[in-house]
Amino acid sequence: MYNVVLGDFHPSTICVERSNFPESLAGVISLTNPEYAEESLKEYIEEYARTNEIMPQDKTIGFVVFNLQKKIVSVSLSSMNNEEDSALKKLKEKIEGMGFVFELDGPPADVYRR
């Protein structure tokens, strides 16, 4: 699940399928331009948000909070595979290079702590 806060308009909460999660992390960079926040969010939702019905066997494995004004990306995961770990490392490097704070709670959290 993502909680995205970009500006004065209503924050968005979206669900992303795990298979699409690494790609959605890479796409977070598209949300960093405040000039085009609303348009970028609409495109991001179209690209990554789950559109099919939630099923009983589905479960939430984590949350991503993206707040443009506070310049923070906070990720909390209960589990992580190698592809997700790699995507998080790339996001951390890029987002911190843009002056954002990156936080990770979950395995392997020690890699991401300052």
PDB file of N, CA and C in Angstrom:
ATOM      1  N   MET A   1       0.848  -1.172   0.000  1.00  0.00           N
ATOM      2  CA  MET A   1       0.000   0.000   0.000  1.00  0.00           C
ATOM      3  C   MET A   1       0.889   1.229   0.000  1.00  0.00           C
ATOM      4  N   TYR A   2       0.476   2.216  -0.729  1.00  0.00           N
ATOM      5  CA  TYR A   2       1.167   3.502  -0.788  1.00  0.00           C
ATOM      6  C   TYR A   2       0.260   4.583  -0.224  1.00  0.00           C
ATOM      7  N   ASN A   3       0.821   5.485   0.536  1.00  0.00           N
ATOM      8  CA  ASN A   3       0.150   6.705   0.960  1.00  0.00           C
ATOM      9  C   ASN A   3       0.981   7.832   0.380  1.00  0.00           C
ATOM     10  N   VAL A   4       0.412   8.560  -0.577  1.00  0.00           N
ATOM     11  CA  VAL A   4       1.148   9.585  -1.311  1.00  0.00           C
ATOM     12  C   VAL A   4       0.558  10.948  -1.002  1.00  0.00           C
ATOM     13  N   VAL A   5       1.397  11.854  -0.499  1.00  0.00           N
ATOM     14  CA  VAL A   5       0.992  13.229  -0.203  1.00  0.00           C
ATOM     15  C   VAL A   5       1.879  14.145  -1.037  1.00  0.00           C
ATOM     16  N   LEU A   6       1.260  14.852  -1.987  1.00  0.00           N
ATOM     17  CA  LEU A   6       2.043  15.681  -2.899  1.00  0.00           C
ATOM     18  C   LEU A   6       1.781  17.171  -2.780  1.00  0.00           C
ATOM     19  N   GLY A   7       0.632  17.549  -2.312  1.00  0.00           N
ATOM     20  CA  GLY A   7       0.320  18.972  -2.283  1.00  0.00           C
ATOM     21  C   GLY A   7      -0.936  19.242  -1.510  1.00  0.00           C
ATOM     22  N   ASP A   8      -1.640  20.273  -1.957  1.00  0.00           N
ATOM     23  CA  ASP A   8      -2.847  20.699  -1.265  1.00  0.00           C
ATOM     24  C   ASP A   8      -4.061  19.838  -1.587  1.00  0.00           C
ATOM     25  N   PHE A   9      -3.948  18.981  -2.588  1.00  0.00           N
ATOM     26  CA  PHE A   9      -5.084  18.128  -2.910  1.00  0.00           C
ATOM     27  C   PHE A   9      -5.045  16.874  -2.043  1.00  0.00           C
ATOM     28  N   HIS A  10      -6.133  16.158  -2.015  1.00  0.00           N
ATOM     29  CA  HIS A  10      -6.315  15.010  -1.114  1.00  0.00           C
ATOM     30  C   HIS A  10      -5.214  13.973  -1.310  1.00  0.00           C
ATOM     31  N   PRO A  11      -4.628  13.480  -0.227  1.00  0.00           N
ATOM     32  CA  PRO A  11      -3.619  12.426  -0.368  1.00  0.00           C
ATOM     33  C   PRO A  11      -4.234  11.159  -0.951  1.00  0.00           C
ATOM     34  N   SER A  12      -3.418  10.391  -1.632  1.00  0.00           N
ATOM     35  CA  SER A  12      -3.902   9.174  -2.273  1.00  0.00           C
ATOM     36  C   SER A  12      -3.342   7.953  -1.586  1.00  0.00           C
ATOM     37  N   THR A  13      -4.190   6.965  -1.416  1.00  0.00           N
ATOM     38  CA  THR A  13      -3.758   5.665  -0.930  1.00  0.00           C
ATOM     39  C   THR A  13      -4.046   4.669  -2.032  1.00  0.00           C
ATOM     40  N   ILE A  14      -3.011   3.948  -2.442  1.00  0.00           N
ATOM     41  CA  ILE A  14      -3.195   2.976  -3.515  1.00  0.00           C
ATOM     42  C   ILE A  14      -2.590   1.640  -3.106  1.00  0.00           C
ATOM     43  N   CYS A  15      -3.121   0.595  -3.699  1.00  0.00           N
ATOM     44  CA  CYS A  15      -2.574  -0.750  -3.524  1.00  0.00           C
ATOM     45  C   CYS A  15      -1.794  -1.105  -4.784  1.00  0.00           C
ATOM     46  N   VAL A  16      -0.654  -1.751  -4.585  1.00  0.00           N
ATOM     47  CA  VAL A  16       0.175  -2.204  -5.689  1.00  0.00           C
ATOM     48  C   VAL A  16       0.402  -3.702  -5.493  1.00  0.00           C
ATOM     49  N   GLU A  17       0.237  -4.474  -6.554  1.00  0.00           N
ATOM     50  CA  GLU A  17       0.495  -5.907  -6.462  1.00  0.00           C
ATOM     51  C   GLU A  17       1.989  -6.131  -6.245  1.00  0.00           C
ATOM     52  N   ARG A  18       2.307  -7.140  -5.493  1.00  0.00           N
ATOM     53  CA  ARG A  18       3.713  -7.407  -5.171  1.00  0.00           C
ATOM     54  C   ARG A  18       4.558  -7.582  -6.430  1.00  0.00           C
ATOM     55  N   SER A  19       4.010  -8.209  -7.435  1.00  0.00           N
ATOM     56  CA  SER A  19       4.767  -8.411  -8.678  1.00  0.00           C
ATOM     57  C   SER A  19       5.133  -7.087  -9.345  1.00  0.00           C
ATOM     58  N   ASN A  20       4.391  -6.045  -9.057  1.00  0.00           N
ATOM     59  CA  ASN A  20       4.616  -4.718  -9.643  1.00  0.00           C
ATOM     60  C   ASN A  20       5.348  -3.778  -8.670  1.00  0.00           C
ATOM     61  N   PHE A  21       5.627  -4.251  -7.467  1.00  0.00           N
ATOM     62  CA  PHE A  21       6.210  -3.406  -6.431  1.00  0.00           C
ATOM     63  C   PHE A  21       7.585  -2.834  -6.798  1.00  0.00           C
ATOM     64  N   PRO A  22       8.551  -3.640  -7.289  1.00  0.00           N
ATOM     65  CA  PRO A  22       9.845  -3.057  -7.634  1.00  0.00           C
ATOM     66  C   PRO A  22       9.746  -1.949  -8.684  1.00  0.00           C
ATOM     67  N   GLU A  23       8.916  -2.164  -9.702  1.00  0.00           N
ATOM     68  CA  GLU A  23       8.707  -1.125 -10.718  1.00  0.00           C
ATOM     69  C   GLU A  23       8.087   0.126 -10.112  1.00  0.00           C
ATOM     70  N   SER A  24       7.148  -0.056  -9.200  1.00  0.00           N
ATOM     71  CA  SER A  24       6.480   1.095  -8.583  1.00  0.00           C
ATOM     72  C   SER A  24       7.459   1.909  -7.741  1.00  0.00           C
ATOM     73  N   LEU A  25       8.446   1.245  -7.146  1.00  0.00           N
ATOM     74  CA  LEU A  25       9.476   1.966  -6.378  1.00  0.00           C
ATOM     75  C   LEU A  25      10.302   2.848  -7.310  1.00  0.00           C
ATOM     76  N   ALA A  26      10.678   2.312  -8.453  1.00  0.00           N
ATOM     77  CA  ALA A  26      11.438   3.099  -9.427  1.00  0.00           C
ATOM     78  C   ALA A  26      10.609   4.289  -9.913  1.00  0.00           C
ATOM     79  N   GLY A  27       9.305   4.114 -10.021  1.00  0.00           N
ATOM     80  CA  GLY A  27       8.425   5.177 -10.494  1.00  0.00           C
ATOM     81  C   GLY A  27       8.199   6.299  -9.511  1.00  0.00           C
ATOM     82  N   VAL A  28       8.571   6.091  -8.236  1.00  0.00           N
ATOM     83  CA  VAL A  28       8.378   7.126  -7.211  1.00  0.00           C
ATOM     84  C   VAL A  28       9.094   8.425  -7.596  1.00  0.00           C
ATOM     85  N   ILE A  29      10.198   8.321  -8.317  1.00  0.00           N
ATOM     86  CA  ILE A  29      10.958   9.501  -8.724  1.00  0.00           C
ATOM     87  C   ILE A  29      10.079  10.455  -9.543  1.00  0.00           C
ATOM     88  N   SER A  30       9.121   9.920 -10.277  1.00  0.00           N
ATOM     89  CA  SER A  30       8.236  10.768 -11.095  1.00  0.00           C
ATOM     90  C   SER A  30       7.349  11.669 -10.240  1.00  0.00           C
ATOM     91  N   LEU A  31       7.256  11.392  -8.931  1.00  0.00           N
ATOM     92  CA  LEU A  31       6.392  12.177  -8.045  1.00  0.00           C
ATOM     93  C   LEU A  31       7.128  13.327  -7.360  1.00  0.00           C
ATOM     94  N   THR A  32       8.385  13.538  -7.673  1.00  0.00           N
ATOM     95  CA  THR A  32       9.201  14.507  -6.942  1.00  0.00           C
ATOM     96  C   THR A  32       9.142  15.928  -7.489  1.00  0.00           C
ATOM     97  N   ASN A  33       8.464  16.160  -8.595  1.00  0.00           N
ATOM     98  CA  ASN A  33       8.381  17.501  -9.162  1.00  0.00           C
ATOM     99  C   ASN A  33       7.091  18.177  -8.715  1.00  0.00           C
ATOM    100  N   PRO A  34       7.185  19.174  -7.805  1.00  0.00           N
ATOM    101  CA  PRO A  34       5.974  19.809  -7.285  1.00  0.00           C
ATOM    102  C   PRO A  34       5.152  20.548  -8.347  1.00  0.00           C
ATOM    103  N   GLU A  35       5.785  20.990  -9.428  1.00  0.00           N
ATOM    104  CA  GLU A  35       5.062  21.702 -10.495  1.00  0.00           C
ATOM    105  C   GLU A  35       4.004  20.819 -11.157  1.00  0.00           C
ATOM    106  N   TYR A  36       4.292  19.553 -11.266  1.00  0.00           N
ATOM    107  CA  TYR A  36       3.409  18.629 -11.977  1.00  0.00           C
ATOM    108  C   TYR A  36       2.866  17.542 -11.059  1.00  0.00           C
ATOM    109  N   ALA A  37       2.722  17.863  -9.785  1.00  0.00           N
ATOM    110  CA  ALA A  37       2.351  16.870  -8.777  1.00  0.00           C
ATOM    111  C   ALA A  37       1.048  16.148  -9.109  1.00  0.00           C
ATOM    112  N   GLU A  38       0.014  16.893  -9.388  1.00  0.00           N
ATOM    113  CA  GLU A  38      -1.291  16.270  -9.619  1.00  0.00           C
ATOM    114  C   GLU A  38      -1.281  15.381 -10.871  1.00  0.00           C
ATOM    115  N   GLU A  39      -0.679  15.889 -11.950  1.00  0.00           N
ATOM    116  CA  GLU A  39      -0.610  15.101 -13.183  1.00  0.00           C
ATOM    117  C   GLU A  39       0.251  13.855 -12.989  1.00  0.00           C
ATOM    118  N   SER A  40       1.372  14.030 -12.285  1.00  0.00           N
ATOM    119  CA  SER A  40       2.281  12.901 -12.038  1.00  0.00           C
ATOM    120  C   SER A  40       1.594  11.819 -11.214  1.00  0.00           C
ATOM    121  N   LEU A  41       0.822  12.236 -10.215  1.00  0.00           N
ATOM    122  CA  LEU A  41       0.122  11.267  -9.375  1.00  0.00           C
ATOM    123  C   LEU A  41      -0.908  10.487 -10.187  1.00  0.00           C
ATOM    124  N   LYS A  42      -1.649  11.173 -11.048  1.00  0.00           N
ATOM    125  CA  LYS A  42      -2.634  10.479 -11.890  1.00  0.00           C
ATOM    126  C   LYS A  42      -1.956   9.441 -12.763  1.00  0.00           C
ATOM    127  N   GLU A  43      -0.831   9.801 -13.365  1.00  0.00           N
ATOM    128  CA  GLU A  43      -0.095   8.861 -14.212  1.00  0.00           C
ATOM    129  C   GLU A  43       0.459   7.700 -13.391  1.00  0.00           C
ATOM    130  N   TYR A  44       0.958   8.006 -12.208  1.00  0.00           N
ATOM    131  CA  TYR A  44       1.506   6.975 -11.333  1.00  0.00           C
ATOM    132  C   TYR A  44       0.422   5.961 -10.944  1.00  0.00           C
ATOM    133  N   ILE A  45      -0.741   6.453 -10.595  1.00  0.00           N
ATOM    134  CA  ILE A  45      -1.859   5.583 -10.232  1.00  0.00           C
ATOM    135  C   ILE A  45      -2.264   4.706 -11.417  1.00  0.00           C
ATOM    136  N   GLU A  46      -2.359   5.304 -12.607  1.00  0.00           N
ATOM    137  CA  GLU A  46      -2.709   4.532 -13.801  1.00  0.00           C
ATOM    138  C   GLU A  46      -1.689   3.437 -14.080  1.00  0.00           C
ATOM    139  N   GLU A  47      -0.416   3.755 -13.845  1.00  0.00           N
ATOM    140  CA  GLU A  47       0.670   2.825 -14.147  1.00  0.00           C
ATOM    141  C   GLU A  47       0.785   1.680 -13.130  1.00  0.00           C
ATOM    142  N   TYR A  48       0.648   1.993 -11.836  1.00  0.00           N
ATOM    143  CA  TYR A  48       1.018   1.021 -10.810  1.00  0.00           C
ATOM    144  C   TYR A  48      -0.105   0.523  -9.900  1.00  0.00           C
ATOM    145  N   ALA A  49      -1.180   1.247  -9.772  1.00  0.00           N
ATOM    146  CA  ALA A  49      -2.230   0.862  -8.817  1.00  0.00           C
ATOM    147  C   ALA A  49      -2.957  -0.401  -9.270  1.00  0.00           C
ATOM    148  N   ARG A  50      -3.289  -1.194  -8.295  1.00  0.00           N
ATOM    149  CA  ARG A  50      -4.056  -2.409  -8.550  1.00  0.00           C
ATOM    150  C   ARG A  50      -5.478  -2.021  -8.931  1.00  0.00           C
ATOM    151  N   THR A  51      -5.983  -2.625  -9.986  1.00  0.00           N
ATOM    152  CA  THR A  51      -7.320  -2.273 -10.456  1.00  0.00           C
ATOM    153  C   THR A  51      -8.321  -3.408 -10.294  1.00  0.00           C
ATOM    154  N   ASN A  52      -7.818  -4.631 -10.056  1.00  0.00           N
ATOM    155  CA  ASN A  52      -8.758  -5.741  -9.910  1.00  0.00           C
ATOM    156  C   ASN A  52      -9.195  -5.888  -8.458  1.00  0.00           C
ATOM    157  N   GLU A  53     -10.167  -6.715  -8.258  1.00  0.00           N
ATOM    158  CA  GLU A  53     -10.773  -6.900  -6.936  1.00  0.00           C
ATOM    159  C   GLU A  53      -9.789  -7.518  -5.945  1.00  0.00           C
ATOM    160  N   ILE A  54      -9.834  -7.070  -4.717  1.00  0.00           N
ATOM    161  CA  ILE A  54      -9.017  -7.647  -3.660  1.00  0.00           C
ATOM    162  C   ILE A  54      -9.649  -8.978  -3.264  1.00  0.00           C
ATOM    163  N   MET A  55      -8.805  -9.999  -3.158  1.00  0.00           N
ATOM    164  CA  MET A  55      -9.278 -11.344  -2.887  1.00  0.00           C
ATOM    165  C   MET A  55      -8.957 -11.743  -1.440  1.00  0.00           C
ATOM    166  N   PRO A  56      -9.673 -12.718  -0.880  1.00  0.00           N
ATOM    167  CA  PRO A  56      -9.442 -13.138   0.507  1.00  0.00           C
ATOM    168  C   PRO A  56      -8.003 -13.598   0.785  1.00  0.00           C
ATOM    169  N   GLN A  57      -7.333 -14.174  -0.214  1.00  0.00           N
ATOM    170  CA  GLN A  57      -5.968 -14.653  -0.008  1.00  0.00           C
ATOM    171  C   GLN A  57      -4.925 -13.528  -0.083  1.00  0.00           C
ATOM    172  N   ASP A  58      -5.320 -12.339  -0.487  1.00  0.00           N
ATOM    173  CA  ASP A  58      -4.398 -11.201  -0.552  1.00  0.00           C
ATOM    174  C   ASP A  58      -4.019 -10.746   0.848  1.00  0.00           C
ATOM    175  N   LYS A  59      -2.807 -10.230   0.972  1.00  0.00           N
ATOM    176  CA  LYS A  59      -2.393  -9.681   2.256  1.00  0.00           C
ATOM    177  C   LYS A  59      -1.479  -8.488   2.008  1.00  0.00           C
ATOM    178  N   THR A  60      -1.447  -7.607   2.970  1.00  0.00           N
ATOM    179  CA  THR A  60      -0.582  -6.436   2.895  1.00  0.00           C
ATOM    180  C   THR A  60       0.778  -6.825   3.449  1.00  0.00           C
ATOM    181  N   ILE A  61       1.821  -6.600   2.647  1.00  0.00           N
ATOM    182  CA  ILE A  61       3.167  -6.923   3.114  1.00  0.00           C
ATOM    183  C   ILE A  61       3.928  -5.683   3.561  1.00  0.00           C
ATOM    184  N   GLY A  62       3.326  -4.509   3.323  1.00  0.00           N
ATOM    185  CA  GLY A  62       4.024  -3.303   3.763  1.00  0.00           C
ATOM    186  C   GLY A  62       3.357  -2.031   3.286  1.00  0.00           C
ATOM    187  N   PHE A  63       3.987  -0.943   3.698  1.00  0.00           N
ATOM    188  CA  PHE A  63       3.486   0.393   3.380  1.00  0.00           C
ATOM    189  C   PHE A  63       4.636   1.262   2.887  1.00  0.00           C
ATOM    190  N   VAL A  64       4.317   2.127   1.945  1.00  0.00           N
ATOM    191  CA  VAL A  64       5.250   3.150   1.487  1.00  0.00           C
ATOM    192  C   VAL A  64       4.555   4.482   1.684  1.00  0.00           C
ATOM    193  N   VAL A  65       5.206   5.380   2.399  1.00  0.00           N
ATOM    194  CA  VAL A  65       4.687   6.731   2.587  1.00  0.00           C
ATOM    195  C   VAL A  65       5.607   7.667   1.831  1.00  0.00           C
ATOM    196  N   PHE A  66       5.026   8.437   0.912  1.00  0.00           N
ATOM    197  CA  PHE A  66       5.781   9.426   0.152  1.00  0.00           C
ATOM    198  C   PHE A  66       5.171  10.786   0.444  1.00  0.00           C
ATOM    199  N   ASN A  67       5.968  11.692   1.020  1.00  0.00           N
ATOM    200  CA  ASN A  67       5.473  13.026   1.342  1.00  0.00           C
ATOM    201  C   ASN A  67       6.398  14.044   0.690  1.00  0.00           C
ATOM    202  N   LEU A  68       5.893  14.714  -0.337  1.00  0.00           N
ATOM    203  CA  LEU A  68       6.692  15.656  -1.116  1.00  0.00           C
ATOM    204  C   LEU A  68       7.086  16.883  -0.307  1.00  0.00           C
ATOM    205  N   GLN A  69       6.148  17.464   0.462  1.00  0.00           N
ATOM    206  CA  GLN A  69       6.457  18.666   1.233  1.00  0.00           C
ATOM    207  C   GLN A  69       7.530  18.400   2.292  1.00  0.00           C
ATOM    208  N   LYS A  70       7.431  17.275   2.967  1.00  0.00           N
ATOM    209  CA  LYS A  70       8.386  16.941   4.030  1.00  0.00           C
ATOM    210  C   LYS A  70       9.651  16.279   3.472  1.00  0.00           C
ATOM    211  N   LYS A  71       9.621  15.964   2.163  1.00  0.00           N
ATOM    212  CA  LYS A  71      10.750  15.327   1.482  1.00  0.00           C
ATOM    213  C   LYS A  71      11.182  14.054   2.207  1.00  0.00           C
ATOM    214  N   ILE A  72      10.214  13.157   2.340  1.00  0.00           N
ATOM    215  CA  ILE A  72      10.492  11.894   3.016  1.00  0.00           C
ATOM    216  C   ILE A  72       9.847  10.724   2.282  1.00  0.00           C
ATOM    217  N   VAL A  73      10.572   9.629   2.235  1.00  0.00           N
ATOM    218  CA  VAL A  73      10.041   8.354   1.758  1.00  0.00           C
ATOM    219  C   VAL A  73      10.275   7.366   2.884  1.00  0.00           C
ATOM    220  N   SER A  74       9.208   6.789   3.389  1.00  0.00           N
ATOM    221  CA  SER A  74       9.289   5.848   4.495  1.00  0.00           C
ATOM    222  C   SER A  74       8.675   4.527   4.059  1.00  0.00           C
ATOM    223  N   VAL A  75       9.436   3.459   4.230  1.00  0.00           N
ATOM    224  CA  VAL A  75       8.999   2.142   3.783  1.00  0.00           C
ATOM    225  C   VAL A  75       8.997   1.195   4.981  1.00  0.00           C
ATOM    226  N   SER A  76       7.907   0.467   5.149  1.00  0.00           N
ATOM    227  CA  SER A  76       7.811  -0.536   6.205  1.00  0.00           C
ATOM    228  C   SER A  76       7.336  -1.837   5.563  1.00  0.00           C
ATOM    229  N   LEU A  77       8.173  -2.883   5.654  1.00  0.00           N
ATOM    230  CA  LEU A  77       7.870  -4.153   5.007  1.00  0.00           C
ATOM    231  C   LEU A  77       7.979  -5.302   6.000  1.00  0.00           C
ATOM    232  N   SER A  78       7.133  -6.301   5.812  1.00  0.00           N
ATOM    233  CA  SER A  78       7.229  -7.491   6.647  1.00  0.00           C
ATOM    234  C   SER A  78       8.139  -8.534   6.017  1.00  0.00           C
ATOM    235  N   SER A  79       8.338  -8.463   4.708  1.00  0.00           N
ATOM    236  CA  SER A  79       9.256  -9.363   4.011  1.00  0.00           C
ATOM    237  C   SER A  79       9.729  -8.669   2.737  1.00  0.00           C
ATOM    238  N   MET A  80      10.850  -9.184   2.204  1.00  0.00           N
ATOM    239  CA  MET A  80      11.417  -8.556   1.025  1.00  0.00           C
ATOM    240  C   MET A  80      12.196  -9.617   0.236  1.00  0.00           C
ATOM    241  N   ASN A  81      12.007  -9.621  -1.087  1.00  0.00           N
ATOM    242  CA  ASN A  81      12.790 -10.524  -1.922  1.00  0.00           C
ATOM    243  C   ASN A  81      13.975  -9.752  -2.523  1.00  0.00           C
ATOM    244  N   ASN A  82      14.832 -10.429  -3.257  1.00  0.00           N
ATOM    245  CA  ASN A  82      16.043  -9.796  -3.800  1.00  0.00           C
ATOM    246  C   ASN A  82      15.743  -8.663  -4.764  1.00  0.00           C
ATOM    247  N   GLU A  83      14.727  -8.828  -5.594  1.00  0.00           N
ATOM    248  CA  GLU A  83      14.362  -7.784  -6.561  1.00  0.00           C
ATOM    249  C   GLU A  83      13.875  -6.523  -5.837  1.00  0.00           C
ATOM    250  N   GLU A  84      13.096  -6.711  -4.791  1.00  0.00           N
ATOM    251  CA  GLU A  84      12.606  -5.573  -3.999  1.00  0.00           C
ATOM    252  C   GLU A  84      13.759  -4.900  -3.258  1.00  0.00           C
ATOM    253  N   ASP A  85      14.675  -5.699  -2.710  1.00  0.00           N
ATOM    254  CA  ASP A  85      15.844  -5.159  -2.025  1.00  0.00           C
ATOM    255  C   ASP A  85      16.665  -4.289  -2.973  1.00  0.00           C
ATOM    256  N   SER A  86      16.893  -4.767  -4.169  1.00  0.00           N
ATOM    257  CA  SER A  86      17.651  -4.019  -5.176  1.00  0.00           C
ATOM    258  C   SER A  86      16.939  -2.716  -5.544  1.00  0.00           C
ATOM    259  N   ALA A  87      15.623  -2.785  -5.743  1.00  0.00           N
ATOM    260  CA  ALA A  87      14.843  -1.590  -6.090  1.00  0.00           C
ATOM    261  C   ALA A  87      14.873  -0.560  -4.957  1.00  0.00           C
ATOM    262  N   LEU A  88      14.823  -1.024  -3.716  1.00  0.00           N
ATOM    263  CA  LEU A  88      14.883  -0.113  -2.570  1.00  0.00           C
ATOM    264  C   LEU A  88      16.245   0.560  -2.462  1.00  0.00           C
ATOM    265  N   LYS A  89      17.309  -0.177  -2.717  1.00  0.00           N
ATOM    266  CA  LYS A  89      18.657   0.411  -2.687  1.00  0.00           C
ATOM    267  C   LYS A  89      18.805   1.497  -3.748  1.00  0.00           C
ATOM    268  N   LYS A  90      18.302   1.233  -4.945  1.00  0.00           N
ATOM    269  CA  LYS A  90      18.362   2.227  -6.029  1.00  0.00           C
ATOM    270  C   LYS A  90      17.536   3.460  -5.679  1.00  0.00           C
ATOM    271  N   LEU A  91      16.326   3.243  -5.139  1.00  0.00           N
ATOM    272  CA  LEU A  91      15.478   4.361  -4.752  1.00  0.00           C
ATOM    273  C   LEU A  91      16.151   5.192  -3.669  1.00  0.00           C
ATOM    274  N   LYS A  92      16.717   4.543  -2.677  1.00  0.00           N
ATOM    275  CA  LYS A  92      17.392   5.236  -1.578  1.00  0.00           C
ATOM    276  C   LYS A  92      18.485   6.154  -2.120  1.00  0.00           C
ATOM    277  N   GLU A  93      19.309   5.622  -3.007  1.00  0.00           N
ATOM    278  CA  GLU A  93      20.407   6.406  -3.576  1.00  0.00           C
ATOM    279  C   GLU A  93      19.885   7.634  -4.336  1.00  0.00           C
ATOM    280  N   LYS A  94      18.898   7.429  -5.187  1.00  0.00           N
ATOM    281  CA  LYS A  94      18.349   8.522  -5.986  1.00  0.00           C
ATOM    282  C   LYS A  94      17.633   9.558  -5.131  1.00  0.00           C
ATOM    283  N   ILE A  95      16.795   9.094  -4.227  1.00  0.00           N
ATOM    284  CA  ILE A  95      15.946   9.992  -3.451  1.00  0.00           C
ATOM    285  C   ILE A  95      16.782  10.815  -2.471  1.00  0.00           C
ATOM    286  N   GLU A  96      17.787  10.189  -1.859  1.00  0.00           N
ATOM    287  CA  GLU A  96      18.661  10.951  -0.966  1.00  0.00           C
ATOM    288  C   GLU A  96      19.496  11.957  -1.749  1.00  0.00           C
ATOM    289  N   GLY A  97      19.861  11.626  -2.972  1.00  0.00           N
ATOM    290  CA  GLY A  97      20.569  12.560  -3.847  1.00  0.00           C
ATOM    291  C   GLY A  97      19.742  13.795  -4.182  1.00  0.00           C
ATOM    292  N   MET A  98      18.430  13.680  -4.027  1.00  0.00           N
ATOM    293  CA  MET A  98      17.517  14.805  -4.292  1.00  0.00           C
ATOM    294  C   MET A  98      17.170  15.539  -3.009  1.00  0.00           C
ATOM    295  N   GLY A  99      17.791  15.181  -1.900  1.00  0.00           N
ATOM    296  CA  GLY A  99      17.551  15.866  -0.633  1.00  0.00           C
ATOM    297  C   GLY A  99      16.420  15.294   0.205  1.00  0.00           C
ATOM    298  N   PHE A 100      15.911  14.135  -0.160  1.00  0.00           N
ATOM    299  CA  PHE A 100      14.859  13.474   0.607  1.00  0.00           C
ATOM    300  C   PHE A 100      15.483  12.621   1.708  1.00  0.00           C
ATOM    301  N   VAL A 101      14.702  12.361   2.742  1.00  0.00           N
ATOM    302  CA  VAL A 101      15.072  11.400   3.770  1.00  0.00           C
ATOM    303  C   VAL A 101      14.441  10.074   3.363  1.00  0.00           C
ATOM    304  N   PHE A 102      15.209   8.999   3.495  1.00  0.00           N
ATOM    305  CA  PHE A 102      14.714   7.661   3.189  1.00  0.00           C
ATOM    306  C   PHE A 102      14.784   6.828   4.458  1.00  0.00           C
ATOM    307  N   GLU A 103      13.681   6.189   4.808  1.00  0.00           N
ATOM    308  CA  GLU A 103      13.633   5.333   6.001  1.00  0.00           C
ATOM    309  C   GLU A 103      13.100   3.970   5.601  1.00  0.00           C
ATOM    310  N   LEU A 104      13.671   2.935   6.192  1.00  0.00           N
ATOM    311  CA  LEU A 104      13.170   1.582   5.968  1.00  0.00           C
ATOM    312  C   LEU A 104      13.036   0.882   7.300  1.00  0.00           C
ATOM    313  N   ASP A 105      11.868   0.304   7.513  1.00  0.00           N
ATOM    314  CA  ASP A 105      11.611  -0.514   8.688  1.00  0.00           C
ATOM    315  C   ASP A 105      11.267  -1.901   8.179  1.00  0.00           C
ATOM    316  N   GLY A 106      12.110  -2.834   8.467  1.00  0.00           N
ATOM    317  CA  GLY A 106      11.892  -4.193   7.996  1.00  0.00           C
ATOM    318  C   GLY A 106      13.190  -4.794   7.509  1.00  0.00           C
ATOM    319  N   PRO A 107      13.143  -5.999   7.049  1.00  0.00           N
ATOM    320  CA  PRO A 107      14.381  -6.680   6.640  1.00  0.00           C
ATOM    321  C   PRO A 107      14.952  -6.094   5.356  1.00  0.00           C
ATOM    322  N   PRO A 108      16.207  -5.966   5.186  1.00  0.00           N
ATOM    323  CA  PRO A 108      17.290  -5.884   6.173  1.00  0.00           C
ATOM    324  C   PRO A 108      17.511  -4.428   6.566  1.00  0.00           C
ATOM    325  N   ALA A 109      16.807  -3.964   7.549  1.00  0.00           N
ATOM    326  CA  ALA A 109      16.764  -2.553   7.921  1.00  0.00           C
ATOM    327  C   ALA A 109      18.140  -1.955   8.198  1.00  0.00           C
ATOM    328  N   ASP A 110      19.067  -2.736   8.710  1.00  0.00           N
ATOM    329  CA  ASP A 110      20.384  -2.180   9.038  1.00  0.00           C
ATOM    330  C   ASP A 110      21.108  -1.633   7.817  1.00  0.00           C
ATOM    331  N   VAL A 111      20.795  -2.123   6.639  1.00  0.00           N
ATOM    332  CA  VAL A 111      21.416  -1.639   5.411  1.00  0.00           C
ATOM    333  C   VAL A 111      21.013  -0.198   5.127  1.00  0.00           C
ATOM    334  N   TYR A 112      19.809   0.205   5.550  1.00  0.00           N
ATOM    335  CA  TYR A 112      19.260   1.495   5.185  1.00  0.00           C
ATOM    336  C   TYR A 112      19.355   2.539   6.276  1.00  0.00           C
ATOM    337  N   ARG A 113      19.714   2.155   7.460  1.00  0.00           N
ATOM    338  CA  ARG A 113      19.804   3.107   8.563  1.00  0.00           C
ATOM    339  C   ARG A 113      21.052   3.944   8.421  1.00  0.00           C
ATOM    340  N   ARG A 114      20.990   5.158   8.945  1.00  0.00           N
ATOM    341  CA  ARG A 114      22.155   6.056   8.871  1.00  0.00           C
ATOM    342  C   ARG A 114      23.064   5.820  10.035  1.00  0.00           C
TER     343      ARG A 114
END
